[in-house]
């Protein structure tokens, strides 16, 4: 049986708010079934690498987030 974590678990583990975790979600590995979002132990390890990345990786992550937001805005405009 594998352990899964909720968004609240992830936020608490990394010491951030749930809303901050939700904003970071597009750049994090996660599992989605319908509207339910969960994280495996492997996902948590990936998030840990992202959260502890150096400045170049952080900039790349922020650029990815902005690109995904732009895609969502473009879809909403249609």
N, C-alpha and C. Protein backbone atom coordinates (compact mmCIF):
# COMPACT_ATOMS: atom_id res chain seq x y z
N UNK A 1 0.84 -1.18 0.00
CA UNK A 1 0.00 0.00 0.00
C UNK A 1 0.89 1.24 0.00
N UNK A 2 0.66 2.14 -0.93
CA UNK A 2 1.48 3.35 -1.00
C UNK A 2 0.81 4.48 -0.24
N UNK A 3 1.63 5.33 0.30
CA UNK A 3 1.14 6.47 1.05
C UNK A 3 0.89 7.63 0.09
N UNK A 4 -0.24 8.30 0.27
CA UNK A 4 -0.51 9.50 -0.51
C UNK A 4 -0.70 10.66 0.44
N UNK A 5 -0.44 11.84 -0.07
CA UNK A 5 -0.51 13.06 0.73
C UNK A 5 -1.47 14.03 0.07
N UNK A 6 -2.12 14.85 0.89
CA UNK A 6 -3.03 15.88 0.38
C UNK A 6 -2.27 17.19 0.20
N UNK A 7 -2.94 18.16 -0.40
CA UNK A 7 -2.35 19.49 -0.57
C UNK A 7 -2.00 20.09 0.80
N UNK A 8 -2.87 19.89 1.78
CA UNK A 8 -2.59 20.41 3.13
C UNK A 8 -1.36 19.75 3.74
N UNK A 9 -1.21 18.45 3.52
CA UNK A 9 -0.03 17.74 4.03
C UNK A 9 1.25 18.33 3.43
N UNK A 10 1.22 18.57 2.12
CA UNK A 10 2.39 19.11 1.43
C UNK A 10 2.71 20.51 1.94
N UNK A 11 1.68 21.35 2.06
CA UNK A 11 1.89 22.72 2.54
C UNK A 11 2.50 22.70 3.95
N UNK A 12 1.94 21.88 4.82
CA UNK A 12 2.45 21.79 6.19
C UNK A 12 3.89 21.29 6.20
N UNK A 13 4.18 20.29 5.39
CA UNK A 13 5.54 19.72 5.35
C UNK A 13 6.58 20.76 4.93
N UNK A 14 6.24 21.60 3.96
CA UNK A 14 7.20 22.59 3.46
C UNK A 14 7.06 23.95 4.12
N UNK A 15 6.15 24.09 5.08
CA UNK A 15 6.01 25.33 5.84
C UNK A 15 5.48 26.49 5.02
N UNK A 16 4.56 26.19 4.09
CA UNK A 16 3.95 27.24 3.27
C UNK A 16 2.44 27.15 3.43
N UNK A 17 1.74 28.19 3.00
CA UNK A 17 0.28 28.17 3.10
C UNK A 17 -0.30 27.25 2.03
N UNK A 18 -1.53 26.83 2.25
CA UNK A 18 -2.20 25.98 1.27
C UNK A 18 -2.40 26.73 -0.05
N UNK A 19 -2.69 28.03 0.04
CA UNK A 19 -2.87 28.81 -1.19
C UNK A 19 -1.56 28.94 -1.96
N UNK A 20 -0.44 29.08 -1.26
CA UNK A 20 0.87 29.12 -1.93
C UNK A 20 1.15 27.78 -2.59
N UNK A 21 0.83 26.69 -1.92
CA UNK A 21 1.02 25.36 -2.50
C UNK A 21 0.17 25.22 -3.77
N UNK A 22 -1.05 25.72 -3.74
CA UNK A 22 -1.92 25.63 -4.92
C UNK A 22 -1.34 26.43 -6.09
N UNK A 23 -0.77 27.61 -5.79
CA UNK A 23 -0.14 28.41 -6.86
C UNK A 23 1.07 27.70 -7.45
N UNK A 24 1.79 26.95 -6.64
CA UNK A 24 2.98 26.23 -7.11
C UNK A 24 2.64 24.93 -7.83
N UNK A 25 1.41 24.46 -7.68
CA UNK A 25 1.02 23.14 -8.18
C UNK A 25 1.40 22.85 -9.63
N UNK A 26 1.23 23.79 -10.57
CA UNK A 26 1.57 23.46 -11.97
C UNK A 26 3.03 23.05 -12.17
N UNK A 27 3.91 23.50 -11.31
CA UNK A 27 5.33 23.15 -11.48
C UNK A 27 5.74 21.94 -10.64
N UNK A 28 4.80 21.38 -9.89
CA UNK A 28 5.09 20.24 -9.02
C UNK A 28 4.58 18.94 -9.61
N UNK A 29 5.29 17.83 -9.37
CA UNK A 29 4.75 16.53 -9.76
C UNK A 29 3.57 16.20 -8.84
N UNK A 30 2.48 15.71 -9.40
CA UNK A 30 1.31 15.36 -8.60
C UNK A 30 0.41 14.40 -9.38
N UNK A 31 -0.56 13.85 -8.69
CA UNK A 31 -1.54 12.93 -9.27
C UNK A 31 -2.89 13.63 -9.24
N UNK A 32 -3.68 13.43 -10.28
CA UNK A 32 -5.00 14.07 -10.32
C UNK A 32 -6.02 13.05 -10.78
N UNK A 33 -7.09 12.95 -10.01
CA UNK A 33 -8.25 12.15 -10.41
C UNK A 33 -9.45 13.07 -10.30
N UNK A 34 -9.92 13.56 -11.44
CA UNK A 34 -11.00 14.54 -11.41
C UNK A 34 -10.50 15.80 -10.74
N UNK A 35 -11.19 16.21 -9.69
CA UNK A 35 -10.78 17.41 -8.94
C UNK A 35 -9.89 17.08 -7.75
N UNK A 36 -9.67 15.80 -7.49
CA UNK A 36 -8.85 15.39 -6.35
C UNK A 36 -7.38 15.38 -6.73
N UNK A 37 -6.58 16.07 -5.94
CA UNK A 37 -5.14 16.15 -6.15
C UNK A 37 -4.46 15.42 -5.00
N UNK A 38 -3.51 14.56 -5.34
CA UNK A 38 -2.76 13.86 -4.31
C UNK A 38 -1.29 13.79 -4.71
N UNK A 39 -0.47 13.44 -3.75
CA UNK A 39 0.97 13.37 -3.94
C UNK A 39 1.48 12.05 -3.39
N UNK A 40 2.35 11.39 -4.14
CA UNK A 40 2.98 10.16 -3.67
C UNK A 40 4.29 10.53 -2.98
N UNK A 41 4.94 9.54 -2.38
CA UNK A 41 6.24 9.78 -1.75
C UNK A 41 7.25 10.24 -2.81
N UNK A 42 7.16 9.68 -4.00
CA UNK A 42 8.04 10.09 -5.10
C UNK A 42 7.78 11.54 -5.50
N UNK A 43 6.50 11.94 -5.54
CA UNK A 43 6.16 13.33 -5.83
C UNK A 43 6.74 14.26 -4.77
N UNK A 44 6.64 13.84 -3.50
CA UNK A 44 7.17 14.66 -2.41
C UNK A 44 8.68 14.85 -2.56
N UNK A 45 9.39 13.81 -2.98
CA UNK A 45 10.83 13.92 -3.19
C UNK A 45 11.12 14.91 -4.33
N UNK A 46 10.32 14.85 -5.38
CA UNK A 46 10.49 15.79 -6.50
C UNK A 46 10.22 17.22 -6.08
N UNK A 47 9.19 17.42 -5.27
CA UNK A 47 8.87 18.77 -4.77
C UNK A 47 9.99 19.27 -3.89
N UNK A 48 10.55 18.40 -3.07
CA UNK A 48 11.67 18.78 -2.21
C UNK A 48 12.85 19.28 -3.04
N UNK A 49 13.15 18.58 -4.15
CA UNK A 49 14.24 19.03 -5.03
C UNK A 49 13.91 20.40 -5.62
N UNK A 50 12.66 20.61 -6.01
CA UNK A 50 12.26 21.90 -6.58
C UNK A 50 12.37 23.01 -5.54
N UNK A 51 11.89 22.75 -4.32
CA UNK A 51 11.88 23.77 -3.27
C UNK A 51 13.30 24.14 -2.83
N UNK A 52 14.24 23.21 -2.98
CA UNK A 52 15.62 23.46 -2.55
C UNK A 52 16.56 23.72 -3.71
N UNK A 53 16.01 24.09 -4.85
CA UNK A 53 16.81 24.31 -6.06
C UNK A 53 17.58 25.63 -5.96
N UNK A 54 18.61 25.73 -6.77
CA UNK A 54 19.40 26.95 -6.85
C UNK A 54 18.68 28.02 -7.66
N UNK A 55 19.30 29.20 -7.78
CA UNK A 55 18.65 30.33 -8.45
C UNK A 55 18.27 30.07 -9.91
N UNK A 56 19.10 29.37 -10.66
CA UNK A 56 18.78 29.10 -12.07
C UNK A 56 17.54 28.21 -12.19
N UNK A 57 17.46 27.19 -11.34
CA UNK A 57 16.31 26.30 -11.37
C UNK A 57 15.05 27.04 -10.92
N UNK A 58 15.20 27.94 -9.93
CA UNK A 58 14.05 28.72 -9.46
C UNK A 58 13.53 29.62 -10.58
N UNK A 59 14.42 30.25 -11.31
CA UNK A 59 14.01 31.12 -12.42
C UNK A 59 13.31 30.30 -13.50
N UNK A 60 13.82 29.13 -13.80
CA UNK A 60 13.18 28.26 -14.80
C UNK A 60 11.78 27.86 -14.33
N UNK A 61 11.63 27.56 -13.03
CA UNK A 61 10.33 27.19 -12.48
C UNK A 61 9.35 28.36 -12.57
N UNK A 62 9.81 29.56 -12.24
CA UNK A 62 8.95 30.74 -12.32
C UNK A 62 8.53 31.02 -13.76
N UNK A 63 9.44 30.84 -14.70
CA UNK A 63 9.10 31.02 -16.12
C UNK A 63 8.07 29.99 -16.56
N UNK A 64 8.21 28.75 -16.11
CA UNK A 64 7.24 27.71 -16.43
C UNK A 64 5.86 28.07 -15.88
N UNK A 65 5.82 28.54 -14.63
CA UNK A 65 4.55 28.93 -14.03
C UNK A 65 3.90 30.06 -14.83
N UNK A 66 4.67 31.05 -15.22
CA UNK A 66 4.13 32.17 -15.98
C UNK A 66 3.62 31.70 -17.34
N UNK A 67 4.33 30.79 -17.97
CA UNK A 67 3.89 30.24 -19.26
C UNK A 67 2.55 29.52 -19.10
N UNK A 68 2.41 28.72 -18.04
CA UNK A 68 1.16 27.99 -17.81
C UNK A 68 0.02 28.96 -17.51
N UNK A 69 0.29 30.02 -16.76
CA UNK A 69 -0.74 31.03 -16.49
C UNK A 69 -1.19 31.71 -17.78
N UNK A 70 -0.23 32.01 -18.66
CA UNK A 70 -0.56 32.64 -19.94
C UNK A 70 -1.43 31.71 -20.78
N UNK A 71 -1.15 30.42 -20.76
CA UNK A 71 -1.97 29.46 -21.50
C UNK A 71 -3.39 29.43 -20.96
N UNK A 72 -3.54 29.47 -19.64
CA UNK A 72 -4.87 29.47 -19.03
C UNK A 72 -5.61 30.75 -19.39
N UNK A 73 -4.93 31.89 -19.33
CA UNK A 73 -5.57 33.16 -19.70
C UNK A 73 -6.02 33.14 -21.15
N UNK A 74 -5.20 32.56 -22.03
CA UNK A 74 -5.56 32.48 -23.45
C UNK A 74 -6.79 31.59 -23.64
N UNK A 75 -6.87 30.49 -22.91
CA UNK A 75 -8.04 29.61 -23.01
C UNK A 75 -9.28 30.31 -22.47
N UNK A 76 -9.14 31.09 -21.39
CA UNK A 76 -10.27 31.81 -20.81
C UNK A 76 -10.78 32.90 -21.74
N UNK A 77 -9.89 33.46 -22.54
CA UNK A 77 -10.26 34.56 -23.44
C UNK A 77 -11.09 34.07 -24.63
N UNK A 78 -11.00 32.78 -24.92
CA UNK A 78 -11.72 32.23 -26.09
C UNK A 78 -13.17 32.06 -25.80
